[in-house]
Amino acid sequence: MARSNDISPLTQVLTRADAVADGARPPDAIGTGFPSLDRMLGGGVRSGDLIVLGGDVGSGKSAFALAVAMRAASAGQRVTFFSGEMSIDRLLERALAIEGRVRVDDLRQGVVNDVARASVGAAAVRMREVMPRFEILPGGGVGALIEQIEGAGLDLVVVDSLQSLAQGARATDEELADAVRRLKTLAIAQGFAIFTTAQLPHLTARDDLRPLLDDFGAMGAVKHHADVVLALFREEMYDRRRELAGGTELLVRKNRNGGTGYVDLFFYAQFMRFEDMLDPDR
């Protein structure tokens, strides 16, 4: 029998709810660093959540995932970013470009001017203090990933991308469905959030090209097992009118614990940097 001075799980839930009502972030919430998205998600993503971000080729999925990893780390969260798309050097170049607001091509070629060099230097100093751990996604699929991060004491794991977890030359729907289920189980068991990107098929055969839940495929596993499903839509990719440049919709297609909708972002392609339109970075 529980002692009279024990705090019951129900009391703990009520205490957390009161704190959130007073303006505190939920204690198990991990901010994405994009205020409009965090508000829609009730303070951020949660421990035990599986978050899937989809989009067309070139929509900026890796850049957004990297931004989330960096912003969460700067807020004090323990974050590891696994890449199946880029080397560590390329990730660091992108991170410096995002944080320093410099052209990634200029940084890569070493042709930054004095102002940009100072900005990159300041960014590097900040990043040394708070930065995600960058790792190459291990071969061997989800099983190898599990071996590497079990018991690591993390708050957020970012995986770029879901398709990179496939062990064959081409990911099958069965492999992707199994990966989604195992990632969700891992998130719950380890008590951290997992944020993964997912490549969506070209959608040019229909009028409205905004991704839908069913576009994520994987035999419906994303639709059923993910807690949060996000999709990037940049109209300029399909309509080259100048006034559309940079405008981005981040669609919240599924939110297990709240409402759905969209967030307006702006994409600075030269920096590979997303910013919240309603609450831009200073």
Protein backbone atom coordinates (compact mmCIF):
# COMPACT_ATOMS: atom_id res chain seq x y z
CA MET A 1 0.00 0.00 0.00
CA ALA A 2 1.31 3.48 -0.86
CA ARG A 3 2.39 5.70 2.03
CA SER A 4 0.16 8.69 2.76
CA ASN A 5 2.91 11.14 1.80
CA ASP A 6 3.50 9.55 -1.60
CA ILE A 7 2.52 11.70 -4.58
CA SER A 8 0.24 9.72 -6.86
CA PRO A 9 0.68 9.78 -10.65
CA LEU A 10 -2.72 11.48 -10.90
CA THR A 11 -1.60 14.25 -8.54
CA GLN A 12 1.59 14.70 -10.57
CA VAL A 13 -0.46 15.10 -13.76
CA LEU A 14 -2.70 17.70 -12.10
CA THR A 15 0.32 19.58 -10.75
CA ARG A 16 1.88 19.70 -14.22
CA ALA A 17 -1.41 20.87 -15.72
CA ASP A 18 -1.63 23.72 -13.20
CA ALA A 19 1.94 24.77 -13.98
CA VAL A 20 1.26 24.80 -17.71
CA ALA A 21 -1.91 26.83 -17.16
CA ASP A 22 0.26 29.41 -15.39
CA GLY A 23 2.47 29.72 -18.48
CA ALA A 24 5.18 27.12 -17.86
CA ARG A 25 6.33 24.78 -20.62
CA PRO A 26 5.21 21.18 -19.98
CA PRO A 27 8.12 19.45 -18.21
CA ASP A 28 8.37 16.73 -20.85
CA ALA A 29 8.13 19.16 -23.76
CA ILE A 30 11.09 19.79 -26.06
CA GLY A 31 10.87 23.07 -27.92
CA THR A 32 11.53 23.00 -31.65
CA GLY A 33 12.76 26.59 -31.52
CA PHE A 34 9.98 27.72 -33.88
CA PRO A 35 7.50 29.50 -31.56
CA SER A 36 4.43 29.20 -33.79
CA LEU A 37 4.95 25.46 -34.15
CA ASP A 38 5.62 25.02 -30.43
CA ARG A 39 2.38 26.82 -29.59
CA MET A 40 0.44 24.54 -31.94
CA LEU A 41 2.06 21.49 -30.32
CA GLY A 42 1.28 22.64 -26.78
CA GLY A 43 4.82 23.69 -25.93
CA GLY A 44 6.81 21.48 -28.26
CA VAL A 45 7.27 17.81 -29.01
CA ARG A 46 7.11 15.39 -26.08
CA SER A 47 9.31 12.69 -24.66
CA GLY A 48 8.22 9.38 -26.18
CA ASP A 49 6.91 11.05 -29.34
CA LEU A 50 7.73 10.06 -32.90
CA ILE A 51 7.70 13.08 -35.22
CA VAL A 52 7.87 12.62 -38.99
CA LEU A 53 8.62 15.51 -41.36
CA GLY A 54 7.88 14.92 -45.04
CA GLY A 55 8.32 16.90 -48.21
CA ASP A 56 9.33 16.84 -51.85
CA VAL A 57 12.94 16.67 -53.01
CA GLY A 58 14.62 20.01 -52.31
CA SER A 59 11.90 21.32 -49.99
CA GLY A 60 14.34 21.76 -47.11
CA LYS A 61 13.61 18.76 -44.90
CA SER A 62 17.24 18.27 -43.84
CA ALA A 63 17.68 22.00 -43.23
CA PHE A 64 14.59 22.18 -41.04
CA ALA A 65 15.53 19.03 -39.10
CA LEU A 66 19.02 20.45 -38.53
CA ALA A 67 17.52 23.73 -37.34
CA VAL A 68 15.32 21.91 -34.84
CA ALA A 69 18.32 19.94 -33.56
CA MET A 70 20.42 23.08 -33.17
CA ARG A 71 17.69 25.11 -31.48
CA ALA A 72 16.81 22.31 -29.08
CA ALA A 73 20.49 21.90 -28.17
CA SER A 74 20.87 25.66 -27.61
CA ALA A 75 17.94 25.44 -25.16
CA GLY A 76 19.84 22.85 -23.11
CA GLN A 77 18.41 19.64 -24.52
CA ARG A 78 20.65 16.62 -25.15
CA VAL A 79 20.42 16.08 -28.89
CA THR A 80 22.02 13.71 -31.40
CA PHE A 81 21.59 14.23 -35.14
CA PHE A 82 22.05 11.11 -37.30
CA SER A 83 22.61 11.75 -40.99
CA GLY A 84 22.24 9.25 -43.77
CA GLU A 85 22.46 12.04 -46.33
CA MET A 86 25.61 14.07 -45.53
CA SER A 87 29.07 13.78 -44.03
CA ILE A 88 29.88 15.39 -40.67
CA ASP A 89 31.85 18.14 -42.45
CA ARG A 90 28.86 18.97 -44.65
CA LEU A 91 26.60 19.06 -41.61
CA LEU A 92 28.95 21.46 -39.83
CA GLU A 93 29.11 23.70 -42.91
CA ARG A 94 25.33 23.85 -43.01
CA ALA A 95 25.12 24.48 -39.28
CA LEU A 96 27.57 27.39 -39.55
CA ALA A 97 25.71 28.81 -42.56
CA ILE A 98 22.38 28.62 -40.72
CA GLU A 99 23.69 30.10 -37.49
CA GLY A 100 25.98 32.68 -39.09
CA ARG A 101 23.56 33.67 -41.88
CA VAL A 102 26.16 33.24 -44.61
CA ARG A 103 25.92 31.55 -47.98
CA VAL A 104 26.81 27.89 -47.61
CA ASP A 105 28.53 27.90 -51.02
CA ASP A 106 30.71 30.86 -50.01
CA LEU A 107 31.61 29.11 -46.78
CA ARG A 108 32.49 25.92 -48.62
CA GLN A 109 34.68 27.78 -51.12
CA GLY A 110 36.29 30.03 -48.52
CA VAL A 111 35.21 33.28 -50.20
CA VAL A 112 33.45 34.97 -47.26
CA ASN A 113 34.07 38.69 -46.74
CA ASP A 114 35.13 40.26 -43.45
CA VAL A 115 31.58 40.84 -42.24
CA ALA A 116 30.54 37.27 -43.02
CA ARG A 117 33.74 35.92 -41.45
CA ALA A 118 32.98 37.78 -38.22
CA SER A 119 29.42 36.41 -38.24
CA VAL A 120 30.65 32.85 -38.80
CA GLY A 121 33.26 33.25 -36.05
CA ALA A 122 30.62 34.40 -33.58
CA ALA A 123 28.39 31.52 -34.61
CA ALA A 124 31.22 29.04 -34.08
CA VAL A 125 31.81 30.36 -30.56
CA ARG A 126 28.12 29.93 -29.69
CA MET A 127 28.00 26.48 -31.22
CA ARG A 128 31.00 25.24 -29.23
CA GLU A 129 29.00 25.78 -26.06
CA VAL A 130 25.71 24.21 -27.18
CA MET A 131 25.62 21.98 -30.22
CA PRO A 132 24.00 18.67 -31.13
CA ARG A 133 26.18 15.62 -31.39
CA PHE A 134 26.53 14.76 -35.08
CA GLU A 135 26.75 11.12 -36.15
CA ILE A 136 26.60 9.22 -39.42
CA LEU A 137 23.58 6.94 -39.48
CA PRO A 138 24.98 3.45 -38.87
CA GLY A 139 24.53 0.67 -41.40
CA GLY A 140 22.31 -2.14 -40.28
CA GLY A 141 18.99 -0.33 -40.18
CA VAL A 142 16.96 0.46 -37.07
CA GLY A 143 18.62 -2.35 -35.10
CA ALA A 144 22.04 -0.75 -35.41
CA LEU A 145 20.61 2.66 -34.50
CA ILE A 146 18.98 1.18 -31.40
CA GLU A 147 22.28 -0.33 -30.28
CA GLN A 148 23.98 3.04 -30.60
CA ILE A 149 21.49 5.16 -28.67
CA GLU A 150 19.94 2.86 -26.06
CA GLY A 151 20.74 4.21 -22.63
CA ALA A 152 22.46 7.32 -24.01
CA GLY A 153 20.40 9.66 -21.86
CA LEU A 154 19.19 11.80 -24.73
CA ASP A 155 16.20 14.15 -24.99
CA LEU A 156 15.91 14.30 -28.77
CA VAL A 157 17.16 12.07 -31.59
CA VAL A 158 16.99 13.42 -35.15
CA VAL A 159 17.22 10.92 -38.02
CA ASP A 160 17.77 12.16 -41.58
CA SER A 161 16.17 10.22 -43.18
CA LEU A 162 13.66 7.41 -42.69
CA GLN A 163 14.57 5.97 -46.10
CA SER A 164 18.24 5.84 -45.06
CA LEU A 165 17.34 3.21 -42.46
CA ALA A 166 16.55 0.72 -45.22
CA GLN A 167 19.19 -1.97 -45.62
CA GLY A 168 18.55 -2.69 -49.28
CA ALA A 169 19.37 -0.54 -52.29
CA ARG A 170 15.81 0.75 -52.27
CA ALA A 171 13.49 1.09 -49.29
CA THR A 172 10.34 -1.00 -49.56
CA ASP A 173 7.06 -0.04 -47.93
CA GLU A 174 7.42 -3.05 -45.64
CA GLU A 175 10.86 -1.90 -44.47
CA LEU A 176 9.65 1.64 -43.88
CA ALA A 177 6.60 0.45 -41.97
CA ASP A 178 8.77 -1.74 -39.75
CA ALA A 179 11.19 1.17 -39.17
CA VAL A 180 8.36 3.49 -38.14
CA ARG A 181 6.95 0.98 -35.66
CA ARG A 182 10.37 0.27 -34.15
CA LEU A 183 11.24 3.97 -33.86
CA LYS A 184 8.00 4.63 -32.00
CA THR A 185 8.65 1.71 -29.65
CA LEU A 186 12.20 2.98 -29.07
CA ALA A 187 11.01 6.51 -28.26
CA ILE A 188 8.61 5.23 -25.62
CA ALA A 189 11.10 2.75 -24.12
CA GLN A 190 13.94 5.28 -23.87
CA GLY A 191 11.87 8.32 -22.98
CA PHE A 192 13.18 10.63 -25.69
CA ALA A 193 11.59 12.16 -28.78
CA ILE A 194 12.56 10.95 -32.25
CA PHE A 195 12.30 13.36 -35.17
CA THR A 196 12.80 11.83 -38.60
CA THR A 197 12.56 13.18 -42.13
CA ALA A 198 10.81 11.27 -44.89
CA GLN A 199 11.03 11.60 -48.65
CA LEU A 200 7.60 11.89 -50.27
CA PRO A 201 6.79 10.95 -53.86
CA HIS A 202 6.43 13.65 -56.51
CA LEU A 203 2.87 14.95 -56.31
CA THR A 204 2.61 16.78 -59.64
CA ALA A 205 -0.32 14.64 -60.81
CA ARG A 206 -2.87 16.58 -58.74
CA ASP A 207 -3.96 20.19 -58.41
CA ASP A 208 -3.17 20.80 -54.73
CA LEU A 209 0.43 19.72 -54.12
CA ARG A 210 0.36 20.14 -50.36
CA PRO A 211 1.32 16.76 -48.87
CA LEU A 212 -1.39 14.72 -47.17
CA LEU A 213 -1.10 11.99 -44.55
CA ASP A 214 -1.68 9.27 -47.11
CA ASP A 215 1.31 10.52 -49.13
CA PHE A 216 3.67 9.24 -46.44
CA GLY A 217 3.03 5.68 -47.53
CA ALA A 218 4.88 3.03 -45.50
CA MET A 219 1.67 0.95 -45.50
CA GLY A 220 0.00 3.61 -43.36
CA ALA A 221 2.52 3.23 -40.53
CA VAL A 222 3.35 6.95 -40.35
CA LYS A 223 -0.33 7.85 -40.35
CA HIS A 224 -1.09 5.42 -37.52
CA HIS A 225 2.05 5.33 -35.34
CA ALA A 226 3.60 8.82 -35.50
CA ASP A 227 2.46 11.29 -32.85
CA VAL A 228 3.16 14.34 -34.98
CA VAL A 229 3.28 14.42 -38.77
CA LEU A 230 4.62 17.57 -40.45
CA ALA A 231 4.96 18.45 -44.13
CA LEU A 232 6.90 21.22 -45.85
CA PHE A 233 5.31 22.95 -48.81
CA ARG A 234 7.14 25.65 -50.78
CA GLU A 235 4.95 26.89 -53.61
CA GLU A 236 7.92 28.45 -55.40
CA MET A 237 9.10 24.94 -56.26
CA TYR A 238 6.12 24.54 -58.58
CA ASP A 239 5.38 28.18 -59.50
CA ARG A 240 8.39 30.40 -60.20
CA ARG A 241 6.68 33.73 -59.62
CA ARG A 242 9.12 36.01 -57.80
CA GLU A 243 6.70 37.08 -55.07
CA LEU A 244 6.47 33.48 -53.84
CA ALA A 245 10.22 33.11 -53.18
CA GLY A 246 10.95 31.92 -49.66
CA GLY A 247 7.35 31.50 -48.57
CA THR A 248 6.86 28.15 -46.84
CA GLU A 249 3.95 26.38 -45.20
CA LEU A 250 4.76 23.91 -42.44
CA LEU A 251 1.65 21.76 -42.38
CA VAL A 252 0.73 19.95 -39.16
CA ARG A 253 -1.09 16.97 -40.66
CA LYS A 254 -1.34 14.98 -37.44
CA ASN A 255 -1.04 16.03 -33.81
CA ARG A 256 -2.02 13.25 -31.45
CA ASN A 257 -2.40 15.61 -28.51
CA GLY A 258 -3.86 18.68 -30.17
CA GLY A 259 -5.13 20.42 -33.27
CA THR A 260 -3.79 20.55 -36.79
CA GLY A 261 -3.21 23.47 -39.14
CA TYR A 262 -0.17 25.19 -40.56
CA VAL A 263 2.65 27.54 -39.64
CA ASP A 264 4.06 30.22 -41.95
CA LEU A 265 7.84 30.03 -42.35
CA PHE A 266 10.32 31.83 -44.55
CA PHE A 267 13.18 29.95 -46.18
CA TYR A 268 16.44 31.77 -46.88
CA ALA A 269 17.75 29.36 -49.49
CA GLN A 270 21.23 30.90 -49.62
CA PHE A 271 21.68 30.22 -45.87
CA MET A 272 19.58 27.01 -45.76
CA ARG A 273 17.77 28.78 -42.93
CA PHE A 274 14.09 28.70 -41.91
CA GLU A 275 12.52 31.40 -39.75
CA ASP A 276 9.12 31.74 -38.12
CA MET A 277 7.15 34.43 -39.97
CA LEU A 278 5.05 35.42 -36.93
CA ASP A 279 7.92 35.33 -34.49
CA PRO A 280 11.14 35.84 -36.50
CA ASP A 281 14.60 35.48 -35.03
CA ARG A 282 16.27 38.62 -33.77
